[in-house]
């Protein structure tokens, strides 16, 4: 699936309840690459003394971004589920727009791997977190 069809983009943003709840927006989706944006909401703060974004919000966006990147390389009818997710938190996320980019490293018949980076547009050179995500692929014909 070199470029995901528009109905698939709608599916990801609006019909996956957790993605809709978070408010993720697909800024870019290509073969093996996805950029998600997450607009800031006060409920995303985990440390109010800084304030800094909650690590769970960051990891959730990493997981969603990586999973969708895998989906750009397989059939819409196939299913993707997380096997393993490693997150390295490198700096606190500020209360502003969060951007997450995922690149597919490899897609096999049953397993896919992605590298993911999270940053904010106010300081795009500074990485908030990185992720390594591994996904199970359930093919429609299995």
C-alpha atoms as a PDB file:
ATOM      1  CA  UNK A   1       0.000   0.000   0.000  1.00  0.00           C
ATOM      2  CA  UNK A   2       2.329   2.789  -1.209  1.00  0.00           C
ATOM      3  CA  UNK A   3      -0.105   5.555  -0.194  1.00  0.00           C
ATOM      4  CA  UNK A   4      -2.905   4.718   2.241  1.00  0.00           C
ATOM      5  CA  UNK A   5      -6.390   5.331   0.820  1.00  0.00           C
ATOM      6  CA  UNK A   6      -8.369   8.239   2.315  1.00  0.00           C
ATOM      7  CA  UNK A   7     -10.845   5.859   3.977  1.00  0.00           C
ATOM      8  CA  UNK A   8      -7.935   4.218   5.771  1.00  0.00           C
ATOM      9  CA  UNK A   9      -6.744   7.564   7.096  1.00  0.00           C
ATOM     10  CA  UNK A  10     -10.277   8.227   8.359  1.00  0.00           C
ATOM     11  CA  UNK A  11     -10.353   4.763   9.914  1.00  0.00           C
ATOM     12  CA  UNK A  12      -7.126   5.422  11.816  1.00  0.00           C
ATOM     13  CA  UNK A  13      -8.099   8.889  13.109  1.00  0.00           C
ATOM     14  CA  UNK A  14     -11.818   8.514  13.703  1.00  0.00           C
ATOM     15  CA  UNK A  15     -12.785   4.850  13.967  1.00  0.00           C
ATOM     16  CA  UNK A  16     -10.043   3.635  16.311  1.00  0.00           C
ATOM     17  CA  UNK A  17     -11.551   4.852  19.597  1.00  0.00           C
ATOM     18  CA  UNK A  18      -8.254   5.433  21.424  1.00  0.00           C
ATOM     19  CA  UNK A  19      -6.749   7.412  18.548  1.00  0.00           C
ATOM     20  CA  UNK A  20      -9.891   9.537  18.376  1.00  0.00           C
ATOM     21  CA  UNK A  21      -9.801  10.072  22.147  1.00  0.00           C
ATOM     22  CA  UNK A  22      -6.184  11.214  21.996  1.00  0.00           C
ATOM     23  CA  UNK A  23      -6.884  13.404  18.975  1.00  0.00           C
ATOM     24  CA  UNK A  24      -4.017  12.140  16.805  1.00  0.00           C
ATOM     25  CA  UNK A  25      -3.828  13.582  13.318  1.00  0.00           C
ATOM     26  CA  UNK A  26      -2.018  11.998  10.400  1.00  0.00           C
ATOM     27  CA  UNK A  27       0.169  14.754   8.970  1.00  0.00           C
ATOM     28  CA  UNK A  28       1.900  12.490   6.435  1.00  0.00           C
ATOM     29  CA  UNK A  29       1.675   8.848   5.403  1.00  0.00           C
ATOM     30  CA  UNK A  30       3.835   7.238   2.742  1.00  0.00           C
ATOM     31  CA  UNK A  31       5.181   3.798   2.047  1.00  0.00           C
ATOM     32  CA  UNK A  32       7.012   2.894   5.262  1.00  0.00           C
ATOM     33  CA  UNK A  33       6.767   6.332   6.884  1.00  0.00           C
ATOM     34  CA  UNK A  34       4.164   8.088   9.034  1.00  0.00           C
ATOM     35  CA  UNK A  35       4.138  11.450  10.792  1.00  0.00           C
ATOM     36  CA  UNK A  36       1.485  11.931  13.465  1.00  0.00           C
ATOM     37  CA  UNK A  37       0.653  15.130  15.286  1.00  0.00           C
ATOM     38  CA  UNK A  38      -0.934  15.278  18.707  1.00  0.00           C
ATOM     39  CA  UNK A  39      -2.392  18.651  19.693  1.00  0.00           C
ATOM     40  CA  UNK A  40      -1.764  19.531  23.320  1.00  0.00           C
ATOM     41  CA  UNK A  41      -4.493  19.084  25.926  1.00  0.00           C
ATOM     42  CA  UNK A  42      -4.065  19.887  29.640  1.00  0.00           C
ATOM     43  CA  UNK A  43      -5.036  16.295  30.480  1.00  0.00           C
ATOM     44  CA  UNK A  44      -1.741  15.124  28.887  1.00  0.00           C
ATOM     45  CA  UNK A  45       0.368  16.694  31.663  1.00  0.00           C
ATOM     46  CA  UNK A  46       2.057  14.148  33.912  1.00  0.00           C
ATOM     47  CA  UNK A  47       4.273  16.461  35.973  1.00  0.00           C
ATOM     48  CA  UNK A  48       2.465  19.694  36.777  1.00  0.00           C
ATOM     49  CA  UNK A  49       5.479  21.227  38.518  1.00  0.00           C
ATOM     50  CA  UNK A  50       7.407  21.517  35.203  1.00  0.00           C
ATOM     51  CA  UNK A  51       4.834  21.120  33.401  1.00  0.00           C
ATOM     52  CA  UNK A  52       5.760  18.070  31.296  1.00  0.00           C
ATOM     53  CA  UNK A  53       3.804  15.613  29.183  1.00  0.00           C
ATOM     54  CA  UNK A  54       2.991  12.228  30.701  1.00  0.00           C
ATOM     55  CA  UNK A  55       5.215   9.403  29.483  1.00  0.00           C
ATOM     56  CA  UNK A  56       2.170   7.236  28.823  1.00  0.00           C
ATOM     57  CA  UNK A  57       0.859   9.733  26.287  1.00  0.00           C
ATOM     58  CA  UNK A  58       4.232   9.767  24.551  1.00  0.00           C
ATOM     59  CA  UNK A  59       4.471   5.970  24.452  1.00  0.00           C
ATOM     60  CA  UNK A  60       0.883   5.660  23.194  1.00  0.00           C
ATOM     61  CA  UNK A  61       1.658   7.983  20.285  1.00  0.00           C
ATOM     62  CA  UNK A  62       4.860   6.059  19.518  1.00  0.00           C
ATOM     63  CA  UNK A  63       2.894   2.802  19.419  1.00  0.00           C
ATOM     64  CA  UNK A  64       0.125   4.222  17.220  1.00  0.00           C
ATOM     65  CA  UNK A  65       2.595   5.848  14.821  1.00  0.00           C
ATOM     66  CA  UNK A  66       4.697   2.708  14.449  1.00  0.00           C
ATOM     67  CA  UNK A  67       1.659   0.506  13.943  1.00  0.00           C
ATOM     68  CA  UNK A  68       0.281   2.766  11.260  1.00  0.00           C
ATOM     69  CA  UNK A  69       3.660   2.923   9.513  1.00  0.00           C
ATOM     70  CA  UNK A  70       3.590  -0.872   9.303  1.00  0.00           C
ATOM     71  CA  UNK A  71       0.088  -0.682   7.846  1.00  0.00           C
ATOM     72  CA  UNK A  72       1.413   1.450   4.981  1.00  0.00           C
ATOM     73  CA  UNK A  73       3.406  -1.605   3.866  1.00  0.00           C
ATOM     74  CA  UNK A  74       0.697  -4.277   4.121  1.00  0.00           C
ATOM     75  CA  UNK A  75      -2.935  -4.769   3.094  1.00  0.00           C
ATOM     76  CA  UNK A  76      -5.750  -2.796   4.737  1.00  0.00           C
ATOM     77  CA  UNK A  77      -7.413  -6.123   5.564  1.00  0.00           C
ATOM     78  CA  UNK A  78      -4.362  -7.348   7.509  1.00  0.00           C
ATOM     79  CA  UNK A  79      -4.160  -6.679  11.238  1.00  0.00           C
ATOM     80  CA  UNK A  80      -1.294  -5.278  13.289  1.00  0.00           C
ATOM     81  CA  UNK A  81      -0.743  -5.765  17.018  1.00  0.00           C
ATOM     82  CA  UNK A  82       2.134  -4.753  19.265  1.00  0.00           C
ATOM     83  CA  UNK A  83       4.612  -7.417  20.359  1.00  0.00           C
ATOM     84  CA  UNK A  84       7.207  -5.194  22.004  1.00  0.00           C
ATOM     85  CA  UNK A  85       7.679  -1.482  22.543  1.00  0.00           C
ATOM     86  CA  UNK A  86      10.802   0.126  23.917  1.00  0.00           C
ATOM     87  CA  UNK A  87      10.722   3.836  24.721  1.00  0.00           C
ATOM     88  CA  UNK A  88      13.690   5.976  25.698  1.00  0.00           C
ATOM     89  CA  UNK A  89      12.602   9.285  27.245  1.00  0.00           C
ATOM     90  CA  UNK A  90      15.301  11.840  26.472  1.00  0.00           C
ATOM     91  CA  UNK A  91      13.820  15.176  27.540  1.00  0.00           C
ATOM     92  CA  UNK A  92      10.530  16.450  28.985  1.00  0.00           C
ATOM     93  CA  UNK A  93       7.742  17.213  26.547  1.00  0.00           C
ATOM     94  CA  UNK A  94       6.435  20.764  26.774  1.00  0.00           C
ATOM     95  CA  UNK A  95       2.710  21.588  26.852  1.00  0.00           C
ATOM     96  CA  UNK A  96       2.440  22.072  23.087  1.00  0.00           C
ATOM     97  CA  UNK A  97       1.982  20.131  19.851  1.00  0.00           C
ATOM     98  CA  UNK A  98       3.763  16.772  19.781  1.00  0.00           C
ATOM     99  CA  UNK A  99       5.085  15.251  16.536  1.00  0.00           C
ATOM    100  CA  UNK A 100       5.908  11.589  16.089  1.00  0.00           C
ATOM    101  CA  UNK A 101       7.639  10.047  13.057  1.00  0.00           C
ATOM    102  CA  UNK A 102       7.946   6.329  12.393  1.00  0.00           C
ATOM    103  CA  UNK A 103      10.086   4.574   9.795  1.00  0.00           C
ATOM    104  CA  UNK A 104       9.625   0.917   8.988  1.00  0.00           C
ATOM    105  CA  UNK A 105      12.887  -0.974   9.356  1.00  0.00           C
ATOM    106  CA  UNK A 106      11.589  -4.326   8.167  1.00  0.00           C
ATOM    107  CA  UNK A 107       8.330  -6.055   7.314  1.00  0.00           C
ATOM    108  CA  UNK A 108       8.333  -9.822   7.199  1.00  0.00           C
ATOM    109  CA  UNK A 109       5.477 -12.238   6.724  1.00  0.00           C
ATOM    110  CA  UNK A 110       4.499 -12.149  10.419  1.00  0.00           C
ATOM    111  CA  UNK A 111       6.655  -9.516  12.149  1.00  0.00           C
ATOM    112  CA  UNK A 112       7.518  -5.876  11.465  1.00  0.00           C
ATOM    113  CA  UNK A 113       9.950  -3.462  13.156  1.00  0.00           C
ATOM    114  CA  UNK A 114       9.891   0.354  13.292  1.00  0.00           C
ATOM    115  CA  UNK A 115      12.129   3.134  14.552  1.00  0.00           C
ATOM    116  CA  UNK A 116      10.218   6.079  15.999  1.00  0.00           C
ATOM    117  CA  UNK A 117      11.152   9.625  17.049  1.00  0.00           C
ATOM    118  CA  UNK A 118       9.122  12.185  19.019  1.00  0.00           C
ATOM    119  CA  UNK A 119       9.811  15.922  18.976  1.00  0.00           C
ATOM    120  CA  UNK A 120       8.083  19.296  19.095  1.00  0.00           C
ATOM    121  CA  UNK A 121       8.004  21.854  16.259  1.00  0.00           C
ATOM    122  CA  UNK A 122       9.244  24.614  18.574  1.00  0.00           C
ATOM    123  CA  UNK A 123      12.567  22.734  18.801  1.00  0.00           C
ATOM    124  CA  UNK A 124      12.650  20.126  15.992  1.00  0.00           C
ATOM    125  CA  UNK A 125      16.326  19.272  16.547  1.00  0.00           C
ATOM    126  CA  UNK A 126      15.628  18.186  20.128  1.00  0.00           C
ATOM    127  CA  UNK A 127      14.291  14.668  20.543  1.00  0.00           C
ATOM    128  CA  UNK A 128      11.852  14.084  23.395  1.00  0.00           C
ATOM    129  CA  UNK A 129      11.756  10.295  23.018  1.00  0.00           C
ATOM    130  CA  UNK A 130      12.744   7.494  20.698  1.00  0.00           C
ATOM    131  CA  UNK A 131      11.081   4.154  20.296  1.00  0.00           C
ATOM    132  CA  UNK A 132      11.741   0.728  18.848  1.00  0.00           C
ATOM    133  CA  UNK A 133       8.492  -1.062  18.105  1.00  0.00           C
ATOM    134  CA  UNK A 134       7.878  -4.642  17.036  1.00  0.00           C
ATOM    135  CA  UNK A 135       4.508  -5.694  15.636  1.00  0.00           C
ATOM    136  CA  UNK A 136       2.749  -8.942  14.854  1.00  0.00           C
ATOM    137  CA  UNK A 137       1.087  -9.066  11.444  1.00  0.00           C
ATOM    138  CA  UNK A 138      -2.040 -11.199  11.066  1.00  0.00           C
ATOM    139  CA  UNK A 139      -2.591 -11.638   7.332  1.00  0.00           C
ATOM    140  CA  UNK A 140      -6.177 -11.653   6.076  1.00  0.00           C
ATOM    141  CA  UNK A 141      -5.607 -15.048   4.441  1.00  0.00           C
ATOM    142  CA  UNK A 142      -4.367 -16.763   7.645  1.00  0.00           C
END
